[in-house]
Amino acid sequence: MAPTDQRHEQALKLFLDARPELRDTLDHLNPLLAQVKGETAAQYREERLHEAFEAEAEDQGLFAWELTLLLTAATPEEYQEQQMEVHREVAEMAHMSWLDYCDLYGLES
């Protein structure tokens, strides 16, 4: 598993550990719903967990990757460093200058 995948799995675990009501809901999903979708119960449960995670990120005004970093960073400074690192990678992939990217997304360069 890649480090990013490991970080996301850790974030999902922390997210779920902090929400016992969600865990209970996920533990009692109707297996017929999974069957209708052609998934195993575990696959269906995992999909619902990811949906809840993404909804929480959206509720906080974040992307899911940002919530992953927020939950797994040791300090707020580490979170900000990692967040900026990802933004730099996205700017490079978009072939945008860092200054233009920062202007577009309201980031401080």
C-alpha atoms as a PDB file:
ATOM      1  CA  MET A   1       0.000   0.000   0.000  1.00  0.00           C
ATOM      2  CA  ALA A   2       1.354   3.427  -0.945  1.00  0.00           C
ATOM      3  CA  PRO A   3       1.988   5.934   1.853  1.00  0.00           C
ATOM      4  CA  THR A   4      -0.931   8.072   0.631  1.00  0.00           C
ATOM      5  CA  ASP A   5      -3.238   5.044   0.747  1.00  0.00           C
ATOM      6  CA  GLN A   6      -2.004   4.210   4.231  1.00  0.00           C
ATOM      7  CA  ARG A   7      -2.629   7.771   5.352  1.00  0.00           C
ATOM      8  CA  HIS A   8      -6.162   7.661   3.950  1.00  0.00           C
ATOM      9  CA  GLU A   9      -6.872   4.314   5.629  1.00  0.00           C
ATOM     10  CA  GLN A  10      -5.611   5.762   8.908  1.00  0.00           C
ATOM     11  CA  ALA A  11      -7.855   8.817   8.441  1.00  0.00           C
ATOM     12  CA  LEU A  12     -10.864   6.590   7.768  1.00  0.00           C
ATOM     13  CA  LYS A  13     -10.145   4.630  10.942  1.00  0.00           C
ATOM     14  CA  LEU A  14      -9.817   7.810  13.018  1.00  0.00           C
ATOM     15  CA  PHE A  15     -12.971   9.202  11.421  1.00  0.00           C
ATOM     16  CA  LEU A  16     -14.936   6.064  12.207  1.00  0.00           C
ATOM     17  CA  ASP A  17     -13.521   5.718  15.728  1.00  0.00           C
ATOM     18  CA  ALA A  18     -14.801   9.229  16.498  1.00  0.00           C
ATOM     19  CA  ARG A  19     -18.302   8.347  15.269  1.00  0.00           C
ATOM     20  CA  PRO A  20     -19.693   5.294  17.070  1.00  0.00           C
ATOM     21  CA  GLU A  21     -23.174   5.958  15.676  1.00  0.00           C
ATOM     22  CA  LEU A  22     -21.808   5.744  12.131  1.00  0.00           C
ATOM     23  CA  ARG A  23     -19.960   2.543  12.986  1.00  0.00           C
ATOM     24  CA  ASP A  24     -23.202   1.072  14.325  1.00  0.00           C
ATOM     25  CA  THR A  25     -25.068   2.094  11.173  1.00  0.00           C
ATOM     26  CA  LEU A  26     -22.369   0.592   8.954  1.00  0.00           C
ATOM     27  CA  ASP A  27     -22.306  -2.595  11.011  1.00  0.00           C
ATOM     28  CA  HIS A  28     -26.044  -3.069  10.470  1.00  0.00           C
ATOM     29  CA  LEU A  29     -26.444  -2.345   6.764  1.00  0.00           C
ATOM     30  CA  ASN A  30     -28.944  -4.464   4.902  1.00  0.00           C
ATOM     31  CA  PRO A  31     -26.939  -7.127   3.017  1.00  0.00           C
ATOM     32  CA  LEU A  32     -29.601  -7.215   0.321  1.00  0.00           C
ATOM     33  CA  LEU A  33     -28.663  -3.669  -0.673  1.00  0.00           C
ATOM     34  CA  ALA A  34     -25.118  -4.870  -1.328  1.00  0.00           C
ATOM     35  CA  GLN A  35     -26.413  -7.829  -3.286  1.00  0.00           C
ATOM     36  CA  VAL A  36     -28.563  -5.576  -5.484  1.00  0.00           C
ATOM     37  CA  LYS A  37     -25.464  -3.530  -6.326  1.00  0.00           C
ATOM     38  CA  GLY A  38     -23.474  -6.684  -7.077  1.00  0.00           C
ATOM     39  CA  GLU A  39     -21.120  -6.039  -4.162  1.00  0.00           C
ATOM     40  CA  THR A  40     -20.107  -7.959  -1.121  1.00  0.00           C
ATOM     41  CA  ALA A  41     -21.351  -6.674   2.220  1.00  0.00           C
ATOM     42  CA  ALA A  42     -17.796  -5.511   2.988  1.00  0.00           C
ATOM     43  CA  GLN A  43     -17.529  -3.609  -0.291  1.00  0.00           C
ATOM     44  CA  TYR A  44     -20.900  -1.980   0.279  1.00  0.00           C
ATOM     45  CA  ARG A  45     -19.936  -1.004   3.829  1.00  0.00           C
ATOM     46  CA  GLU A  46     -16.633   0.471   2.613  1.00  0.00           C
ATOM     47  CA  GLU A  47     -18.426   2.492  -0.042  1.00  0.00           C
ATOM     48  CA  ARG A  48     -20.846   3.919   2.555  1.00  0.00           C
ATOM     49  CA  LEU A  49     -17.889   4.793   4.815  1.00  0.00           C
ATOM     50  CA  HIS A  50     -16.196   6.676   1.980  1.00  0.00           C
ATOM     51  CA  GLU A  51     -19.429   8.525   1.237  1.00  0.00           C
ATOM     52  CA  ALA A  52     -19.733   9.576   4.896  1.00  0.00           C
ATOM     53  CA  PHE A  53     -16.094  10.695   4.910  1.00  0.00           C
ATOM     54  CA  GLU A  54     -16.548  12.757   1.756  1.00  0.00           C
ATOM     55  CA  ALA A  55     -19.761  14.287   3.124  1.00  0.00           C
ATOM     56  CA  GLU A  56     -17.947  15.287   6.324  1.00  0.00           C
ATOM     57  CA  ALA A  57     -15.154  16.871   4.304  1.00  0.00           C
ATOM     58  CA  GLU A  58     -17.690  18.803   2.257  1.00  0.00           C
ATOM     59  CA  ASP A  59     -19.501  19.905   5.433  1.00  0.00           C
ATOM     60  CA  GLN A  60     -16.182  21.314   6.660  1.00  0.00           C
ATOM     61  CA  GLY A  61     -15.527  23.051   3.346  1.00  0.00           C
ATOM     62  CA  LEU A  62     -12.684  20.661   2.547  1.00  0.00           C
ATOM     63  CA  PHE A  63     -11.820  18.152  -0.117  1.00  0.00           C
ATOM     64  CA  ALA A  64     -11.568  14.549   1.100  1.00  0.00           C
ATOM     65  CA  TRP A  65      -7.773  14.651   0.674  1.00  0.00           C
ATOM     66  CA  GLU A  66      -7.638  17.704   2.948  1.00  0.00           C
ATOM     67  CA  LEU A  67      -9.669  15.933   5.637  1.00  0.00           C
ATOM     68  CA  THR A  68      -7.285  12.986   5.326  1.00  0.00           C
ATOM     69  CA  LEU A  69      -4.337  15.305   5.962  1.00  0.00           C
ATOM     70  CA  LEU A  70      -6.152  17.092   8.771  1.00  0.00           C
ATOM     71  CA  LEU A  71      -6.892  13.847  10.588  1.00  0.00           C
ATOM     72  CA  THR A  72      -3.435  12.359  10.150  1.00  0.00           C
ATOM     73  CA  ALA A  73      -1.119  15.340  10.579  1.00  0.00           C
ATOM     74  CA  ALA A  74       0.648  15.475  13.940  1.00  0.00           C
ATOM     75  CA  THR A  75       0.396  19.264  14.188  1.00  0.00           C
ATOM     76  CA  PRO A  76      -1.467  22.111  12.482  1.00  0.00           C
ATOM     77  CA  GLU A  77       1.854  23.174  10.958  1.00  0.00           C
ATOM     78  CA  GLU A  78       2.385  19.707   9.483  1.00  0.00           C
ATOM     79  CA  TYR A  79      -1.132  19.829   8.040  1.00  0.00           C
ATOM     80  CA  GLN A  80      -0.452  23.186   6.384  1.00  0.00           C
ATOM     81  CA  GLU A  81       2.891  21.993   4.995  1.00  0.00           C
ATOM     82  CA  GLN A  82       1.331  18.841   3.554  1.00  0.00           C
ATOM     83  CA  GLN A  83      -1.619  20.774   2.174  1.00  0.00           C
ATOM     84  CA  MET A  84       0.666  23.223   0.383  1.00  0.00           C
ATOM     85  CA  GLU A  85       2.754  20.340  -0.969  1.00  0.00           C
ATOM     86  CA  VAL A  86      -0.347  18.824  -2.553  1.00  0.00           C
ATOM     87  CA  HIS A  87      -1.397  22.187  -3.965  1.00  0.00           C
ATOM     88  CA  ARG A  88       2.070  22.578  -5.524  1.00  0.00           C
ATOM     89  CA  GLU A  89       1.744  19.137  -7.127  1.00  0.00           C
ATOM     90  CA  VAL A  90      -1.673  20.030  -8.510  1.00  0.00           C
ATOM     91  CA  ALA A  91      -0.337  23.319  -9.906  1.00  0.00           C
ATOM     92  CA  GLU A  92       2.478  21.434 -11.628  1.00  0.00           C
ATOM     93  CA  MET A  93       0.075  18.844 -13.070  1.00  0.00           C
ATOM     94  CA  ALA A  94      -2.146  21.683 -14.324  1.00  0.00           C
ATOM     95  CA  HIS A  95       0.918  23.356 -15.888  1.00  0.00           C
ATOM     96  CA  MET A  96       0.137  26.536 -13.949  1.00  0.00           C
ATOM     97  CA  SER A  97       2.614  28.878 -12.401  1.00  0.00           C
ATOM     98  CA  TRP A  98       2.560  28.746  -8.616  1.00  0.00           C
ATOM     99  CA  LEU A  99       1.558  32.424  -8.411  1.00  0.00           C
ATOM    100  CA  ASP A 100      -1.345  31.973 -10.834  1.00  0.00           C
ATOM    101  CA  TYR A 101      -2.497  28.891  -8.949  1.00  0.00           C
ATOM    102  CA  CYS A 102      -2.367  30.739  -5.624  1.00  0.00           C
ATOM    103  CA  ASP A 103      -4.352  33.630  -7.094  1.00  0.00           C
ATOM    104  CA  LEU A 104      -6.953  31.242  -8.481  1.00  0.00           C
ATOM    105  CA  TYR A 105      -7.464  29.375  -5.198  1.00  0.00           C
ATOM    106  CA  GLY A 106      -6.886  32.243  -2.781  1.00  0.00           C
ATOM    107  CA  LEU A 107      -3.694  30.799  -1.345  1.00  0.00           C
ATOM    108  CA  GLU A 108      -0.806  32.766   0.041  1.00  0.00           C
ATOM    109  CA  SER A 109       2.346  32.138  -1.939  1.00  0.00           C
END
